[in-house]
């Protein structure tokens, strides 16, 4: 019966970098089940940041970026010998398990993530994450816009009012009513990321009888991201 496993031999290209993008399945319903605060729930994002850290450590990622219910994991070393089925299933199930563990609540329905694998070159890494960060900003504007409109109108009217409006229209609408998105927490506008940083450590060298400076890396969760640029990714060691 082994010959029926026709997809098990699919692999990503050898020696390639990949991004695994996870999306929460039916998280709109999950948000209602958990009675999350709108437009952004602080506890949800604290849990989500823990999930990102777990993914970063478990799969030796070089960079993890998240917003809304989406997580992008950049991997220099492709796990599971590049087997697509294994990468998609294990990483998605690990994320769901981590989410349940950190949330520590009763779920009406088990949360799940879907996963897709994207082979990527160094030349495209910056453009990919700029694309996703632009989507984070779009999500922020629309989330605040629909939240404001639903505070004033029934759901169907609020949805009609926001449909067809571009980002600048929604941004202007909010500003006219005293809501300045410049004052919103940075992670709500630009997402959050997990990557390695170096910290300075001063120790005493007994042999030479003097202080000695060294640097050690640690896993850092960044809630105050800048707009993505080549300099940012070079500084954190993702790009050369």
C-alpha atoms as a PDB file:
ATOM      1  CA  UNK A   1       0.000   0.000   0.000  1.00  0.00           C
ATOM      2  CA  UNK A   2       3.033   2.289   0.231  1.00  0.00           C
ATOM      3  CA  UNK A   3       2.609   3.213  -3.446  1.00  0.00           C
ATOM      4  CA  UNK A   4      -0.641   5.014  -2.568  1.00  0.00           C
ATOM      5  CA  UNK A   5       1.321   7.638  -0.637  1.00  0.00           C
ATOM      6  CA  UNK A   6       1.797   9.552  -3.871  1.00  0.00           C
ATOM      7  CA  UNK A   7       2.562  12.919  -2.255  1.00  0.00           C
ATOM      8  CA  UNK A   8       5.055  11.749   0.367  1.00  0.00           C
ATOM      9  CA  UNK A   9       8.019  12.147  -1.994  1.00  0.00           C
ATOM     10  CA  UNK A  10       7.362  15.842  -2.677  1.00  0.00           C
ATOM     11  CA  UNK A  11      10.281  17.888  -1.409  1.00  0.00           C
ATOM     12  CA  UNK A  12      11.394  21.507  -1.468  1.00  0.00           C
ATOM     13  CA  UNK A  13      14.448  22.289  -3.621  1.00  0.00           C
ATOM     14  CA  UNK A  14      17.742  21.253  -2.027  1.00  0.00           C
ATOM     15  CA  UNK A  15      19.857  23.915  -0.316  1.00  0.00           C
ATOM     16  CA  UNK A  16      17.021  26.439  -0.513  1.00  0.00           C
ATOM     17  CA  UNK A  17      15.620  28.737   2.134  1.00  0.00           C
ATOM     18  CA  UNK A  18      11.925  28.494   2.764  1.00  0.00           C
ATOM     19  CA  UNK A  19       9.176  30.425   4.478  1.00  0.00           C
ATOM     20  CA  UNK A  20       6.410  28.464   6.153  1.00  0.00           C
ATOM     21  CA  UNK A  21       3.308  30.629   6.468  1.00  0.00           C
ATOM     22  CA  UNK A  22       0.659  29.616   8.975  1.00  0.00           C
ATOM     23  CA  UNK A  23      -2.890  30.958   9.083  1.00  0.00           C
ATOM     24  CA  UNK A  24      -5.378  30.385  11.865  1.00  0.00           C
ATOM     25  CA  UNK A  25      -8.347  28.312  10.702  1.00  0.00           C
ATOM     26  CA  UNK A  26     -11.729  29.922  11.458  1.00  0.00           C
ATOM     27  CA  UNK A  27     -10.155  32.306  13.944  1.00  0.00           C
ATOM     28  CA  UNK A  28     -13.051  34.727  13.486  1.00  0.00           C
ATOM     29  CA  UNK A  29     -15.247  32.144  15.158  1.00  0.00           C
ATOM     30  CA  UNK A  30     -12.569  31.409  17.729  1.00  0.00           C
ATOM     31  CA  UNK A  31     -12.438  35.133  18.589  1.00  0.00           C
ATOM     32  CA  UNK A  32     -16.175  35.064  19.248  1.00  0.00           C
ATOM     33  CA  UNK A  33     -15.896  31.875  21.311  1.00  0.00           C
ATOM     34  CA  UNK A  34     -13.148  33.405  23.445  1.00  0.00           C
ATOM     35  CA  UNK A  35     -14.937  36.752  23.632  1.00  0.00           C
ATOM     36  CA  UNK A  36     -11.790  38.586  22.551  1.00  0.00           C
ATOM     37  CA  UNK A  37     -11.563  42.343  23.013  1.00  0.00           C
ATOM     38  CA  UNK A  38     -11.913  44.222  19.723  1.00  0.00           C
ATOM     39  CA  UNK A  39     -10.202  45.459  17.664  1.00  0.00           C
ATOM     40  CA  UNK A  40      -7.112  43.942  19.383  1.00  0.00           C
ATOM     41  CA  UNK A  41      -6.945  41.639  22.379  1.00  0.00           C
ATOM     42  CA  UNK A  42      -3.746  41.989  24.426  1.00  0.00           C
ATOM     43  CA  UNK A  43      -3.924  38.513  25.935  1.00  0.00           C
ATOM     44  CA  UNK A  44      -4.357  36.910  22.515  1.00  0.00           C
ATOM     45  CA  UNK A  45      -1.238  38.609  21.225  1.00  0.00           C
ATOM     46  CA  UNK A  46       0.765  37.702  24.325  1.00  0.00           C
ATOM     47  CA  UNK A  47      -0.161  34.080  23.657  1.00  0.00           C
ATOM     48  CA  UNK A  48       0.620  34.495  19.947  1.00  0.00           C
ATOM     49  CA  UNK A  49       4.065  35.872  20.761  1.00  0.00           C
ATOM     50  CA  UNK A  50       4.742  32.792  22.902  1.00  0.00           C
ATOM     51  CA  UNK A  51       3.706  30.560  19.999  1.00  0.00           C
ATOM     52  CA  UNK A  52       6.145  32.446  17.743  1.00  0.00           C
ATOM     53  CA  UNK A  53       8.958  31.959  20.261  1.00  0.00           C
ATOM     54  CA  UNK A  54       8.202  28.246  20.499  1.00  0.00           C
ATOM     55  CA  UNK A  55       8.273  27.935  16.695  1.00  0.00           C
ATOM     56  CA  UNK A  56      11.507  29.904  16.497  1.00  0.00           C
ATOM     57  CA  UNK A  57      13.255  27.652  18.999  1.00  0.00           C
ATOM     58  CA  UNK A  58      11.803  24.320  17.909  1.00  0.00           C
ATOM     59  CA  UNK A  59      12.629  24.697  14.217  1.00  0.00           C
ATOM     60  CA  UNK A  60      15.821  26.810  14.506  1.00  0.00           C
ATOM     61  CA  UNK A  61      14.269  29.641  12.509  1.00  0.00           C
ATOM     62  CA  UNK A  62      16.202  32.736  11.515  1.00  0.00           C
ATOM     63  CA  UNK A  63      13.167  35.024  11.687  1.00  0.00           C
ATOM     64  CA  UNK A  64       9.500  34.716  12.654  1.00  0.00           C
ATOM     65  CA  UNK A  65       6.964  37.425  11.839  1.00  0.00           C
ATOM     66  CA  UNK A  66       3.321  37.562  12.927  1.00  0.00           C
ATOM     67  CA  UNK A  67       0.225  39.734  12.753  1.00  0.00           C
ATOM     68  CA  UNK A  68      -3.488  39.024  13.117  1.00  0.00           C
ATOM     69  CA  UNK A  69      -3.701  35.185  13.027  1.00  0.00           C
ATOM     70  CA  UNK A  70      -0.819  34.751  10.556  1.00  0.00           C
ATOM     71  CA  UNK A  71       2.760  33.611  11.221  1.00  0.00           C
ATOM     72  CA  UNK A  72       5.638  33.533   8.703  1.00  0.00           C
ATOM     73  CA  UNK A  73       8.668  31.415   9.634  1.00  0.00           C
ATOM     74  CA  UNK A  74      11.936  31.904   7.738  1.00  0.00           C
ATOM     75  CA  UNK A  75      14.082  28.753   7.770  1.00  0.00           C
ATOM     76  CA  UNK A  76      17.692  28.615   6.561  1.00  0.00           C
ATOM     77  CA  UNK A  77      17.913  24.925   7.413  1.00  0.00           C
ATOM     78  CA  UNK A  78      15.014  22.987   5.940  1.00  0.00           C
ATOM     79  CA  UNK A  79      13.736  20.334   8.377  1.00  0.00           C
ATOM     80  CA  UNK A  80      12.544  16.778   7.675  1.00  0.00           C
ATOM     81  CA  UNK A  81      14.831  16.388   4.680  1.00  0.00           C
ATOM     82  CA  UNK A  82      12.654  18.868   2.795  1.00  0.00           C
ATOM     83  CA  UNK A  83       9.529  16.667   2.803  1.00  0.00           C
ATOM     84  CA  UNK A  84       6.564  18.951   2.156  1.00  0.00           C
ATOM     85  CA  UNK A  85       3.931  16.821   3.877  1.00  0.00           C
ATOM     86  CA  UNK A  86       6.065  16.601   7.007  1.00  0.00           C
ATOM     87  CA  UNK A  87       6.938  20.306   7.090  1.00  0.00           C
ATOM     88  CA  UNK A  88       3.335  21.439   6.654  1.00  0.00           C
ATOM     89  CA  UNK A  89       1.758  18.962   9.067  1.00  0.00           C
ATOM     90  CA  UNK A  90       4.296  19.061  11.893  1.00  0.00           C
ATOM     91  CA  UNK A  91       4.769  22.839  11.992  1.00  0.00           C
ATOM     92  CA  UNK A  92       1.020  23.559  11.787  1.00  0.00           C
ATOM     93  CA  UNK A  93       0.200  20.999  14.501  1.00  0.00           C
ATOM     94  CA  UNK A  94       3.048  22.246  16.708  1.00  0.00           C
ATOM     95  CA  UNK A  95       1.702  25.821  16.441  1.00  0.00           C
ATOM     96  CA  UNK A  96      -1.811  24.690  17.384  1.00  0.00           C
ATOM     97  CA  UNK A  97      -0.523  22.708  20.372  1.00  0.00           C
ATOM     98  CA  UNK A  98       1.570  25.653  21.535  1.00  0.00           C
ATOM     99  CA  UNK A  99      -1.441  27.955  21.201  1.00  0.00           C
ATOM    100  CA  UNK A 100      -3.613  25.672  23.347  1.00  0.00           C
ATOM    101  CA  UNK A 101      -0.857  25.215  25.936  1.00  0.00           C
ATOM    102  CA  UNK A 102      -0.217  28.933  26.371  1.00  0.00           C
ATOM    103  CA  UNK A 103      -3.871  29.961  26.259  1.00  0.00           C
ATOM    104  CA  UNK A 104      -4.770  27.602  29.106  1.00  0.00           C
ATOM    105  CA  UNK A 105      -8.533  27.807  28.643  1.00  0.00           C
ATOM    106  CA  UNK A 106     -11.415  25.617  27.541  1.00  0.00           C
ATOM    107  CA  UNK A 107     -11.980  25.772  23.786  1.00  0.00           C
ATOM    108  CA  UNK A 108     -15.362  25.047  22.236  1.00  0.00           C
ATOM    109  CA  UNK A 109     -13.557  23.725  19.174  1.00  0.00           C
ATOM    110  CA  UNK A 110      -9.875  22.740  18.823  1.00  0.00           C
ATOM    111  CA  UNK A 111      -7.907  25.587  17.170  1.00  0.00           C
ATOM    112  CA  UNK A 112      -5.953  24.728  14.042  1.00  0.00           C
ATOM    113  CA  UNK A 113      -3.590  26.318  11.529  1.00  0.00           C
ATOM    114  CA  UNK A 114      -3.087  25.659   7.852  1.00  0.00           C
ATOM    115  CA  UNK A 115       0.419  25.832   6.402  1.00  0.00           C
ATOM    116  CA  UNK A 116       2.055  26.536   3.063  1.00  0.00           C
ATOM    117  CA  UNK A 117       5.714  26.354   2.058  1.00  0.00           C
ATOM    118  CA  UNK A 118       7.316  29.126  -0.001  1.00  0.00           C
ATOM    119  CA  UNK A 119      10.850  28.601  -1.388  1.00  0.00           C
ATOM    120  CA  UNK A 120      12.618  31.946  -1.293  1.00  0.00           C
ATOM    121  CA  UNK A 121      15.953  33.508  -2.193  1.00  0.00           C
ATOM    122  CA  UNK A 122      17.865  36.176  -0.304  1.00  0.00           C
ATOM    123  CA  UNK A 123      16.866  38.645  -3.023  1.00  0.00           C
ATOM    124  CA  UNK A 124      13.180  38.175  -2.208  1.00  0.00           C
ATOM    125  CA  UNK A 125      13.192  37.970   1.606  1.00  0.00           C
ATOM    126  CA  UNK A 126      12.851  41.718   2.142  1.00  0.00           C
ATOM    127  CA  UNK A 127      10.059  42.066  -0.420  1.00  0.00           C
ATOM    128  CA  UNK A 128       8.151  39.175   1.107  1.00  0.00           C
ATOM    129  CA  UNK A 129       8.191  40.589   4.621  1.00  0.00           C
ATOM    130  CA  UNK A 130       7.436  44.122   3.392  1.00  0.00           C
ATOM    131  CA  UNK A 131       4.408  42.634   1.625  1.00  0.00           C
ATOM    132  CA  UNK A 132       3.206  40.958   4.807  1.00  0.00           C
ATOM    133  CA  UNK A 133       3.890  44.087   6.885  1.00  0.00           C
ATOM    134  CA  UNK A 134       1.843  46.139   4.434  1.00  0.00           C
ATOM    135  CA  UNK A 135      -0.960  43.617   5.004  1.00  0.00           C
ATOM    136  CA  UNK A 136      -0.554  44.101   8.763  1.00  0.00           C
ATOM    137  CA  UNK A 137      -1.127  47.842   8.316  1.00  0.00           C
ATOM    138  CA  UNK A 138      -4.153  47.193   6.089  1.00  0.00           C
ATOM    139  CA  UNK A 139      -5.531  44.839   8.734  1.00  0.00           C
ATOM    140  CA  UNK A 140      -4.974  47.474  11.439  1.00  0.00           C
ATOM    141  CA  UNK A 141      -6.789  50.226   9.526  1.00  0.00           C
ATOM    142  CA  UNK A 142      -9.726  48.019   8.570  1.00  0.00           C
ATOM    143  CA  UNK A 143     -10.027  46.470  12.050  1.00  0.00           C
ATOM    144  CA  UNK A 144     -10.221  49.875  13.695  1.00  0.00           C
ATOM    145  CA  UNK A 145     -12.524  51.141  10.974  1.00  0.00           C
ATOM    146  CA  UNK A 146     -15.080  48.344  11.257  1.00  0.00           C
ATOM    147  CA  UNK A 147     -14.865  48.412  15.073  1.00  0.00           C
ATOM    148  CA  UNK A 148     -15.661  52.136  15.081  1.00  0.00           C
ATOM    149  CA  UNK A 149     -18.517  51.788  12.577  1.00  0.00           C
ATOM    150  CA  UNK A 150     -20.072  48.862  14.464  1.00  0.00           C
ATOM    151  CA  UNK A 151     -20.045  50.990  17.604  1.00  0.00           C
ATOM    152  CA  UNK A 152     -22.304  53.436  15.748  1.00  0.00           C
ATOM    153  CA  UNK A 153     -24.374  51.301  13.386  1.00  0.00           C
ATOM    154  CA  UNK A 154     -25.849  47.778  13.109  1.00  0.00           C
ATOM    155  CA  UNK A 155     -23.422  45.225  11.676  1.00  0.00           C
ATOM    156  CA  UNK A 156     -24.935  45.131   8.190  1.00  0.00           C
ATOM    157  CA  UNK A 157     -24.884  48.922   7.831  1.00  0.00           C
ATOM    158  CA  UNK A 158     -21.331  49.121   9.202  1.00  0.00           C
ATOM    159  CA  UNK A 159     -20.169  46.516   6.691  1.00  0.00           C
ATOM    160  CA  UNK A 160     -21.850  48.390   3.835  1.00  0.00           C
ATOM    161  CA  UNK A 161     -20.206  51.655   4.900  1.00  0.00           C
ATOM    162  CA  UNK A 162     -16.676  50.209   4.912  1.00  0.00           C
ATOM    163  CA  UNK A 163     -17.027  48.129   1.723  1.00  0.00           C
ATOM    164  CA  UNK A 164     -15.338  49.820  -1.219  1.00  0.00           C
ATOM    165  CA  UNK A 165     -13.387  52.309   0.899  1.00  0.00           C
ATOM    166  CA  UNK A 166      -9.633  52.335   0.404  1.00  0.00           C
ATOM    167  CA  UNK A 167      -7.179  52.595   3.299  1.00  0.00           C
ATOM    168  CA  UNK A 168      -6.811  56.353   3.090  1.00  0.00           C
ATOM    169  CA  UNK A 169     -10.613  56.756   3.210  1.00  0.00           C
ATOM    170  CA  UNK A 170     -10.889  54.624   6.356  1.00  0.00           C
ATOM    171  CA  UNK A 171      -7.882  56.351   7.910  1.00  0.00           C
ATOM    172  CA  UNK A 172      -9.462  59.748   7.247  1.00  0.00           C
ATOM    173  CA  UNK A 173     -12.816  58.602   8.644  1.00  0.00           C
ATOM    174  CA  UNK A 174     -11.162  57.519  11.894  1.00  0.00           C
ATOM    175  CA  UNK A 175      -9.122  60.722  12.138  1.00  0.00           C
ATOM    176  CA  UNK A 176     -12.251  62.853  11.658  1.00  0.00           C
ATOM    177  CA  UNK A 177     -13.739  61.104  14.680  1.00  0.00           C
ATOM    178  CA  UNK A 178     -10.730  61.608  16.925  1.00  0.00           C
ATOM    179  CA  UNK A 179      -9.003  58.254  16.343  1.00  0.00           C
ATOM    180  CA  UNK A 180      -5.360  58.754  15.348  1.00  0.00           C
ATOM    181  CA  UNK A 181      -3.768  55.474  14.281  1.00  0.00           C
ATOM    182  CA  UNK A 182      -0.345  57.009  14.847  1.00  0.00           C
ATOM    183  CA  UNK A 183      -1.098  56.608  18.548  1.00  0.00           C
ATOM    184  CA  UNK A 184      -1.863  52.881  18.246  1.00  0.00           C
ATOM    185  CA  UNK A 185       0.682  50.385  19.632  1.00  0.00           C
ATOM    186  CA  UNK A 186       3.362  49.646  17.044  1.00  0.00           C
ATOM    187  CA  UNK A 187       2.748  45.889  16.967  1.00  0.00           C
ATOM    188  CA  UNK A 188      -0.875  46.517  15.951  1.00  0.00           C
ATOM    189  CA  UNK A 189       0.318  48.457  12.926  1.00  0.00           C
ATOM    190  CA  UNK A 190       3.478  46.557  11.966  1.00  0.00           C
ATOM    191  CA  UNK A 191       3.208  43.144  13.582  1.00  0.00           C
ATOM    192  CA  UNK A 192       5.697  41.486  15.920  1.00  0.00           C
ATOM    193  CA  UNK A 193       8.822  39.444  15.241  1.00  0.00           C
ATOM    194  CA  UNK A 194      11.117  36.955  16.925  1.00  0.00           C
ATOM    195  CA  UNK A 195      14.832  36.851  16.092  1.00  0.00           C
ATOM    196  CA  UNK A 196      18.218  36.579  17.766  1.00  0.00           C
ATOM    197  CA  UNK A 197      20.034  39.542  19.275  1.00  0.00           C
ATOM    198  CA  UNK A 198      23.449  39.780  20.896  1.00  0.00           C
ATOM    199  CA  UNK A 199      23.963  41.039  24.418  1.00  0.00           C
ATOM    200  CA  UNK A 200      27.197  42.230  25.964  1.00  0.00           C
ATOM    201  CA  UNK A 201      28.505  40.101  28.815  1.00  0.00           C
ATOM    202  CA  UNK A 202      31.377  41.228  31.026  1.00  0.00           C
ATOM    203  CA  UNK A 203      33.224  38.461  32.824  1.00  0.00           C
ATOM    204  CA  UNK A 204      36.470  38.180  34.737  1.00  0.00           C
ATOM    205  CA  UNK A 205      39.402  36.378  33.127  1.00  0.00           C
ATOM    206  CA  UNK A 206      41.317  34.866  36.045  1.00  0.00           C
ATOM    207  CA  UNK A 207      44.215  33.793  33.871  1.00  0.00           C
ATOM    208  CA  UNK A 208      44.830  37.322  32.599  1.00  0.00           C
ATOM    209  CA  UNK A 209      43.480  38.949  35.787  1.00  0.00           C
ATOM    210  CA  UNK A 210      41.195  41.368  33.961  1.00  0.00           C
ATOM    211  CA  UNK A 211      37.635  41.877  32.813  1.00  0.00           C
ATOM    212  CA  UNK A 212      36.747  40.386  29.461  1.00  0.00           C
ATOM    213  CA  UNK A 213      33.890  41.342  27.179  1.00  0.00           C
ATOM    214  CA  UNK A 214      31.995  38.730  25.166  1.00  0.00           C
ATOM    215  CA  UNK A 215      28.709  38.640  23.308  1.00  0.00           C
ATOM    216  CA  UNK A 216      25.978  36.046  23.641  1.00  0.00           C
ATOM    217  CA  UNK A 217      22.888  35.666  21.511  1.00  0.00           C
ATOM    218  CA  UNK A 218      19.399  35.387  22.927  1.00  0.00           C
ATOM    219  CA  UNK A 219      15.900  35.070  21.509  1.00  0.00           C
ATOM    220  CA  UNK A 220      14.233  38.473  21.315  1.00  0.00           C
ATOM    221  CA  UNK A 221      10.556  39.251  20.694  1.00  0.00           C
ATOM    222  CA  UNK A 222      10.232  42.667  19.071  1.00  0.00           C
ATOM    223  CA  UNK A 223       6.946  44.470  19.712  1.00  0.00           C
ATOM    224  CA  UNK A 224       8.221  47.762  18.296  1.00  0.00           C
ATOM    225  CA  UNK A 225       9.278  46.915  14.763  1.00  0.00           C
ATOM    226  CA  UNK A 226      10.386  49.565  12.296  1.00  0.00           C
ATOM    227  CA  UNK A 227       9.157  49.503   8.737  1.00  0.00           C
ATOM    228  CA  UNK A 228      11.099  46.651   7.201  1.00  0.00           C
ATOM    229  CA  UNK A 229      14.214  47.615   5.267  1.00  0.00           C
ATOM    230  CA  UNK A 230      17.432  46.059   4.035  1.00  0.00           C
ATOM    231  CA  UNK A 231      19.325  47.720   6.897  1.00  0.00           C
ATOM    232  CA  UNK A 232      17.021  46.134   9.484  1.00  0.00           C
ATOM    233  CA  UNK A 233      17.458  42.622   8.111  1.00  0.00           C
ATOM    234  CA  UNK A 234      21.200  43.138   7.758  1.00  0.00           C
ATOM    235  CA  UNK A 235      21.457  44.373  11.348  1.00  0.00           C
ATOM    236  CA  UNK A 236      19.755  41.253  12.728  1.00  0.00           C
ATOM    237  CA  UNK A 237      21.788  38.931  10.508  1.00  0.00           C
ATOM    238  CA  UNK A 238      19.030  37.725   8.187  1.00  0.00           C
ATOM    239  CA  UNK A 239      20.608  39.372   5.137  1.00  0.00           C
ATOM    240  CA  UNK A 240      24.269  40.017   4.378  1.00  0.00           C
END
